[in-house]
Amino acid sequence: MIRIAKQSDPKRLNELKQKIDDEKYLDVAIRQIAATLTHEIVNINEEKT
């Protein structure tokens, strides 16, 4: 099966590039990812016991 990529949105790409340079944004994003992963790991461990 062949998948065709969606057309890129230049405005959205520029917004994301600006966010990457924002340390506060990155800090919040990394904390959210860490919290999500921790939550998932805890749920997996609880299901096993």
PDB file of N, CA and C in Angstrom:
ATOM      1  N   MET A   1       0.842  -1.173   0.000  1.00  0.00           N
ATOM      2  CA  MET A   1       0.000   0.000   0.000  1.00  0.00           C
ATOM      3  C   MET A   1       0.889   1.238   0.000  1.00  0.00           C
ATOM      4  N   ILE A   2       0.548   2.210  -0.794  1.00  0.00           N
ATOM      5  CA  ILE A   2       1.316   3.444  -0.889  1.00  0.00           C
ATOM      6  C   ILE A   2       0.584   4.532  -0.132  1.00  0.00           C
ATOM      7  N   ARG A   3       1.337   5.223   0.743  1.00  0.00           N
ATOM      8  CA  ARG A   3       0.754   6.335   1.487  1.00  0.00           C
ATOM      9  C   ARG A   3       1.294   7.641   0.914  1.00  0.00           C
ATOM     10  N   ILE A   4       0.415   8.573   0.729  1.00  0.00           N
ATOM     11  CA  ILE A   4       0.806   9.880   0.207  1.00  0.00           C
ATOM     12  C   ILE A   4       0.821  10.858   1.374  1.00  0.00           C
ATOM     13  N   ALA A   5       1.944  11.563   1.534  1.00  0.00           N
ATOM     14  CA  ALA A   5       2.072  12.515   2.633  1.00  0.00           C
ATOM     15  C   ALA A   5       1.121  13.690   2.425  1.00  0.00           C
ATOM     16  N   LYS A   6       0.635  14.218   3.548  1.00  0.00           N
ATOM     17  CA  LYS A   6      -0.214  15.400   3.479  1.00  0.00           C
ATOM     18  C   LYS A   6       0.637  16.610   3.099  1.00  0.00           C
ATOM     19  N   GLN A   7       0.006  17.555   2.476  1.00  0.00           N
ATOM     20  CA  GLN A   7       0.688  18.787   2.101  1.00  0.00           C
ATOM     21  C   GLN A   7       1.085  19.546   3.363  1.00  0.00           C
ATOM     22  N   SER A   8       2.314  20.041   3.408  1.00  0.00           N
ATOM     23  CA  SER A   8       2.797  20.792   4.562  1.00  0.00           C
ATOM     24  C   SER A   8       2.161  22.174   4.597  1.00  0.00           C
ATOM     25  N   ASP A   9       1.889  22.635   5.808  1.00  0.00           N
ATOM     26  CA  ASP A   9       1.340  23.970   6.011  1.00  0.00           C
ATOM     27  C   ASP A   9       2.484  24.891   6.436  1.00  0.00           C
ATOM     28  N   PRO A  10       2.944  25.771   5.555  1.00  0.00           N
ATOM     29  CA  PRO A  10       4.091  26.633   5.868  1.00  0.00           C
ATOM     30  C   PRO A  10       3.880  27.482   7.130  1.00  0.00           C
ATOM     31  N   LYS A  11       2.660  27.957   7.345  1.00  0.00           N
ATOM     32  CA  LYS A  11       2.379  28.764   8.538  1.00  0.00           C
ATOM     33  C   LYS A  11       2.575  27.926   9.796  1.00  0.00           C
ATOM     34  N   ARG A  12       2.045  26.724   9.780  1.00  0.00           N
ATOM     35  CA  ARG A  12       2.166  25.818  10.935  1.00  0.00           C
ATOM     36  C   ARG A  12       3.630  25.440  11.169  1.00  0.00           C
ATOM     37  N   LEU A  13       4.370  25.189  10.096  1.00  0.00           N
ATOM     38  CA  LEU A  13       5.787  24.848  10.227  1.00  0.00           C
ATOM     39  C   LEU A  13       6.566  25.986  10.865  1.00  0.00           C
ATOM     40  N   ASN A  14       6.280  27.227  10.463  1.00  0.00           N
ATOM     41  CA  ASN A  14       6.960  28.375  11.059  1.00  0.00           C
ATOM     42  C   ASN A  14       6.630  28.516  12.538  1.00  0.00           C
ATOM     43  N   GLU A  15       5.364  28.260  12.910  1.00  0.00           N
ATOM     44  CA  GLU A  15       4.975  28.316  14.319  1.00  0.00           C
ATOM     45  C   GLU A  15       5.759  27.276  15.125  1.00  0.00           C
ATOM     46  N   LEU A  16       5.872  26.072  14.586  1.00  0.00           N
ATOM     47  CA  LEU A  16       6.597  25.015  15.294  1.00  0.00           C
ATOM     48  C   LEU A  16       8.082  25.330  15.409  1.00  0.00           C
ATOM     49  N   LYS A  17       8.666  25.910  14.364  1.00  0.00           N
ATOM     50  CA  LYS A  17      10.076  26.290  14.413  1.00  0.00           C
ATOM     51  C   LYS A  17      10.322  27.323  15.501  1.00  0.00           C
ATOM     52  N   GLN A  18       9.405  28.267  15.655  1.00  0.00           N
ATOM     53  CA  GLN A  18       9.539  29.280  16.702  1.00  0.00           C
ATOM     54  C   GLN A  18       9.409  28.648  18.084  1.00  0.00           C
ATOM     55  N   LYS A  19       8.511  27.700  18.223  1.00  0.00           N
ATOM     56  CA  LYS A  19       8.315  27.042  19.521  1.00  0.00           C
ATOM     57  C   LYS A  19       9.544  26.239  19.929  1.00  0.00           C
ATOM     58  N   ILE A  20      10.228  25.642  18.967  1.00  0.00           N
ATOM     59  CA  ILE A  20      11.421  24.857  19.266  1.00  0.00           C
ATOM     60  C   ILE A  20      12.494  25.725  19.908  1.00  0.00           C
ATOM     61  N   ASP A  21      12.541  26.987  19.538  1.00  0.00           N
ATOM     62  CA  ASP A  21      13.529  27.908  20.100  1.00  0.00           C
ATOM     63  C   ASP A  21      13.109  28.492  21.448  1.00  0.00           C
ATOM     64  N   ASP A  22      11.888  28.230  21.880  1.00  0.00           N
ATOM     65  CA  ASP A  22      11.363  28.766  23.137  1.00  0.00           C
ATOM     66  C   ASP A  22      11.609  27.754  24.260  1.00  0.00           C
ATOM     67  N   GLU A  23      12.512  28.093  25.176  1.00  0.00           N
ATOM     68  CA  GLU A  23      12.872  27.157  26.252  1.00  0.00           C
ATOM     69  C   GLU A  23      11.690  26.827  27.153  1.00  0.00           C
ATOM     70  N   LYS A  24      10.831  27.795  27.424  1.00  0.00           N
ATOM     71  CA  LYS A  24       9.664  27.540  28.279  1.00  0.00           C
ATOM     72  C   LYS A  24       8.723  26.533  27.621  1.00  0.00           C
ATOM     73  N   TYR A  25       8.511  26.696  26.312  1.00  0.00           N
ATOM     74  CA  TYR A  25       7.643  25.772  25.587  1.00  0.00           C
ATOM     75  C   TYR A  25       8.219  24.363  25.619  1.00  0.00           C
ATOM     76  N   LEU A  26       9.526  24.256  25.368  1.00  0.00           N
ATOM     77  CA  LEU A  26      10.170  22.944  25.378  1.00  0.00           C
ATOM     78  C   LEU A  26      10.102  22.309  26.760  1.00  0.00           C
ATOM     79  N   ASP A  27      10.281  23.116  27.799  1.00  0.00           N
ATOM     80  CA  ASP A  27      10.215  22.590  29.164  1.00  0.00           C
ATOM     81  C   ASP A  27       8.835  21.994  29.444  1.00  0.00           C
ATOM     82  N   VAL A  28       7.799  22.731  29.084  1.00  0.00           N
ATOM     83  CA  VAL A  28       6.434  22.237  29.303  1.00  0.00           C
ATOM     84  C   VAL A  28       6.172  20.983  28.468  1.00  0.00           C
ATOM     85  N   ALA A  29       6.614  20.999  27.219  1.00  0.00           N
ATOM     86  CA  ALA A  29       6.391  19.854  26.329  1.00  0.00           C
ATOM     87  C   ALA A  29       7.090  18.604  26.868  1.00  0.00           C
ATOM     88  N   ILE A  30       8.336  18.756  27.313  1.00  0.00           N
ATOM     89  CA  ILE A  30       9.087  17.612  27.840  1.00  0.00           C
ATOM     90  C   ILE A  30       8.442  17.095  29.120  1.00  0.00           C
ATOM     91  N   ARG A  31       7.990  18.002  29.976  1.00  0.00           N
ATOM     92  CA  ARG A  31       7.312  17.573  31.218  1.00  0.00           C
ATOM     93  C   ARG A  31       6.020  16.820  30.918  1.00  0.00           C
ATOM     94  N   GLN A  32       5.284  17.269  29.916  1.00  0.00           N
ATOM     95  CA  GLN A  32       4.042  16.585  29.544  1.00  0.00           C
ATOM     96  C   GLN A  32       4.329  15.191  28.990  1.00  0.00           C
ATOM     97  N   ILE A  33       5.357  15.083  28.179  1.00  0.00           N
ATOM     98  CA  ILE A  33       5.738  13.776  27.636  1.00  0.00           C
ATOM     99  C   ILE A  33       6.163  12.848  28.763  1.00  0.00           C
ATOM    100  N   ALA A  34       6.968  13.357  29.694  1.00  0.00           N
ATOM    101  CA  ALA A  34       7.431  12.546  30.819  1.00  0.00           C
ATOM    102  C   ALA A  34       6.249  12.102  31.686  1.00  0.00           C
ATOM    103  N   ALA A  35       5.313  12.991  31.933  1.00  0.00           N
ATOM    104  CA  ALA A  35       4.149  12.643  32.742  1.00  0.00           C
ATOM    105  C   ALA A  35       3.300  11.580  32.053  1.00  0.00           C
ATOM    106  N   THR A  36       3.114  11.719  30.749  1.00  0.00           N
ATOM    107  CA  THR A  36       2.334  10.737  29.995  1.00  0.00           C
ATOM    108  C   THR A  36       3.004   9.370  30.021  1.00  0.00           C
ATOM    109  N   LEU A  37       4.310   9.336  29.782  1.00  0.00           N
ATOM    110  CA  LEU A  37       5.033   8.071  29.805  1.00  0.00           C
ATOM    111  C   LEU A  37       4.992   7.429  31.187  1.00  0.00           C
ATOM    112  N   THR A  38       5.187   8.237  32.226  1.00  0.00           N
ATOM    113  CA  THR A  38       5.127   7.718  33.587  1.00  0.00           C
ATOM    114  C   THR A  38       3.758   7.131  33.878  1.00  0.00           C
ATOM    115  N   HIS A  39       2.717   7.848  33.490  1.00  0.00           N
ATOM    116  CA  HIS A  39       1.346   7.370  33.703  1.00  0.00           C
ATOM    117  C   HIS A  39       1.120   6.037  32.985  1.00  0.00           C
ATOM    118  N   GLU A  40       1.575   5.943  31.749  1.00  0.00           N
ATOM    119  CA  GLU A  40       1.415   4.708  30.985  1.00  0.00           C
ATOM    120  C   GLU A  40       2.185   3.551  31.611  1.00  0.00           C
ATOM    121  N   ILE A  41       3.397   3.809  32.063  1.00  0.00           N
ATOM    122  CA  ILE A  41       4.210   2.759  32.688  1.00  0.00           C
ATOM    123  C   ILE A  41       3.549   2.274  33.972  1.00  0.00           C
ATOM    124  N   VAL A  42       3.048   3.200  34.773  1.00  0.00           N
ATOM    125  CA  VAL A  42       2.378   2.822  36.021  1.00  0.00           C
ATOM    126  C   VAL A  42       1.142   1.991  35.711  1.00  0.00           C
ATOM    127  N   ASN A  43       0.375   2.382  34.713  1.00  0.00           N
ATOM    128  CA  ASN A  43      -0.823   1.622  34.347  1.00  0.00           C
ATOM    129  C   ASN A  43      -0.474   0.220  33.867  1.00  0.00           C
ATOM    130  N   ILE A  44       0.596   0.094  33.094  1.00  0.00           N
ATOM    131  CA  ILE A  44       1.016  -1.223  32.615  1.00  0.00           C
ATOM    132  C   ILE A  44       1.417  -2.105  33.796  1.00  0.00           C
ATOM    133  N   ASN A  45       2.188  -1.528  34.730  1.00  0.00           N
ATOM    134  CA  ASN A  45       2.611  -2.294  35.895  1.00  0.00           C
ATOM    135  C   ASN A  45       1.437  -2.688  36.779  1.00  0.00           C
ATOM    136  N   GLU A  46       0.443  -1.828  36.910  1.00  0.00           N
ATOM    137  CA  GLU A  46      -0.735  -2.151  37.722  1.00  0.00           C
ATOM    138  C   GLU A  46      -1.554  -3.266  37.076  1.00  0.00           C
ATOM    139  N   GLU A  47      -1.612  -3.283  35.757  1.00  0.00           N
ATOM    140  CA  GLU A  47      -2.371  -4.320  35.053  1.00  0.00           C
ATOM    141  C   GLU A  47      -1.731  -5.689  35.201  1.00  0.00           C
ATOM    142  N   LYS A  48      -0.409  -5.713  35.331  1.00  0.00           N
ATOM    143  CA  LYS A  48       0.311  -6.980  35.446  1.00  0.00           C
ATOM    144  C   LYS A  48       0.130  -7.611  36.819  1.00  0.00           C
ATOM    145  N   THR A  49      -0.137  -6.793  37.822  1.00  0.00           N
ATOM    146  CA  THR A  49      -0.262  -7.340  39.189  1.00  0.00           C
ATOM    147  C   THR A  49      -1.690  -7.589  39.557  1.00  0.00           C
TER     148      THR A  49
END
